[in-house]
Structure formats: C-alpha cells, structure tokens
Amino acid sequence: MTQAYTQEPGQLGDTPRQSGSRIGRLFDRFRFRLRNDRGIWRRGLVLAALALLLTLVMIFHADIPNRVGNLGSLLETFLPWLGLFLPVLLVLGLVRRSASAVLALVLPVGVWLNLFGGLMFSDKSGGGGELTVVTHNVNAENADPTGTAKDVAASGADVVALEELTVPAVPAYERALAGTYRYHTVQGTVGLWSKYPLSGTKPVDIKLGWTRALRTAVATPRGEVGVYVAHLPSVRVKFNAGFTAGQRDGSAEALGQAIAEEPLKKVVLLGDLNGTMNDRALAPVTAQMRSAQGAAGDGFGFSWPASFPMARIDQIMVRGLDPVSAWALPRTGSDHLPLAASVDY
C-alpha cells in the first residue's frame, strides 16, 4: 500500500507560509531563514569586526596620534565621511545574509548620528540677524575678480572678508566693492570691506614671515566688534610625509593667542583656516569661539573644493555674539565657496 509521509510543523524542512502581500512574503522568507539557517549568526564576523572598528575610530578619533604623518588631523578633517562606510557594510552584510554583521551596525550608526545627526538632519537657522558677515577665499588664480566681488556684494552682507588676494587683483576688488562698502583695509593677502567705520586696524603675526591675518574694530550701530581675518597655511597630503600641517598648526596657535588677548568682548573670526572644527590642531582658536555653522547652520556647510565640497575649511566663528543663521553662497570663480552668517548682539 502506498503511504503518504507528512512533516510535522516547525521542523527544519518547513517552507515559509505565504502571506498575501509581496512584502509579507519577503518577511516570512527572512524569518524562516533566521530561524532555520544555523550559519546566519556565524557568517560575516569579519564585517561585524569592521563595524566595531569603525565605531571605535569615531569615538576615539581625538586619541589617534599625530606623530606619524598627522594622521589624527587628517582623519578629523574628513570625519563626517566615515558615514559612507555604513551603507557599504549594510549591503555586504545583507549579501552575506549575516545577522551578526547587520546587527553590529547599530553601534557605528548610533555614534555617527550622535556626532553629526544634528548637522545632517536639523535646520537650526533662524531669520534676520543684526549683523551679516561673509568670508571668501577668492583664489589667487581667480580669472574674474570683478565678477567674484559683485557676487559676494550681492549677498547683502555688512562685512566681507576676502583671503588670498594678490597685488594685481586688489584694485579690481576695490573698484567692484566701493559702491557697497565705504570702508576697507587690505593687509598683505587678506582684506576686509565694511559698511561701518573701521579703527585699530593692524596685521596679526601668525608666524609666517608675511602678512596673512589682520585685526580691526568695526563700529556697528550696536557698538564695536573686533573682527579678525585670517588665512592659515595650506596643508598637503604627501605619500612620503603624510598630512603635512606643522606650519598651519603653529599659525593656529599664534592666531589663538591674538584672539585671547583681544580687549573687545564681541569678536568675529572670518577666514580660511585650512582645517575643520573637528581638527584638534585648531583647538587654540576653536576652544574659545563658537562656529556659526555649528550653532545656526543648515547641514554641514562644506566649502571646499567648490566643484564638490567635502570639508568646511573656511570658518565663521564668534565670541560674545549669538549666531542666528549660517549658509554657503553660490559658487564664484574661486575654488572655495563663500560662507555667510548672521548674528545678534
């Protein structure tokens, strides 16, 4: 006699029960594999270890030493981009059908959101502002200084700082900005244009041997504001020397000392610092000032390179003032984007 063999429900040979919807069927299939695939937790342990390593790097980035090629500062310059590893690890974990790899991603995702979620997903900018400032590295090789100046003036800023000025280009900037800004000063390769009178203007020694920083007092309707414009030395990534930033770091220390000795309580720093707020080497400056972008900006506010911004190495920082909003202006003829911020007294 022919016998019919049946399987008891719940054995390994069970096939997933079919739900009505496609999503339901996929969920049933995943649940079936999770219950019956004994290797789903053993596979992907290397991916899980990489997720843990990524978590540790983001948590302890400040402890990564700078002794070898300034590796710590290089990492901190592009720290937000570590988030790109998260979807890569997720896809690899799904391809490997590894529950361990996918579950381990909870840790780096949580750390990244804690570090950058506020910048990425919240708009802290408000309306108005009593004083609007702009900073722009105009690029020494800018082929259209007049057009760049007009673009910056169109922002409506009360104060404009320009860096990387060249002797041949300065007259073009002066002519283009004269109609909007009655007062201005140029010290070496940096300059400031203002709708309000300036006083106490002087170069700031940032230990370079030539002038790339200045200090002045802007007489706003609400009182004097100390304004610093600075262009710290560039950094380079070299195969034989790593992230070469020694000269930049020394200049940051000198600039921080000058700002610490500023007698005015209300201070604004505008410039290209060739470093981000996460870069520990800028601590002499960042420890005593607030980032306008961090306090009142929308998104990361990357400013360089203009063709595909990857880092905010141009900065607007304040002390004794309240940032209201911060944003990047449209691209000009420079390789940097101009940045703007509005502040209240």
Foldseek 3Di string as FASTA:
>chain_A
DDDDDDDDPPDLPDDFDDDDDPVVRVVSNLVSCVVRVPCQAVPPPVLLVVLVVLLVCLVVLVVPDCPAQHVSQVCLQQVLVSVVVLVVQCVVSVVRSHPSNNVSNVRNVVSSCVVCVCQAPDFQFDDDFDFKEKEEAFALPQPCLLQVLLLVVVVVGQKYKYFQADPVCVVSNCVNCCVPFVDKDDAFGMMMGGVFDKPPKDFADLPDPGGFKIWIWGQDPVGTEIEMEGEADAWDADPVRHTDCVRLLSSLLSVLVVVVPDPDQKYKYWYQSNGALSRVSNCSNNVQWAFLCVNREHHQQFWAQLVDGRGNRTTIIIGPKAWNYKHWGHDDSHRTTMIMTHIYD
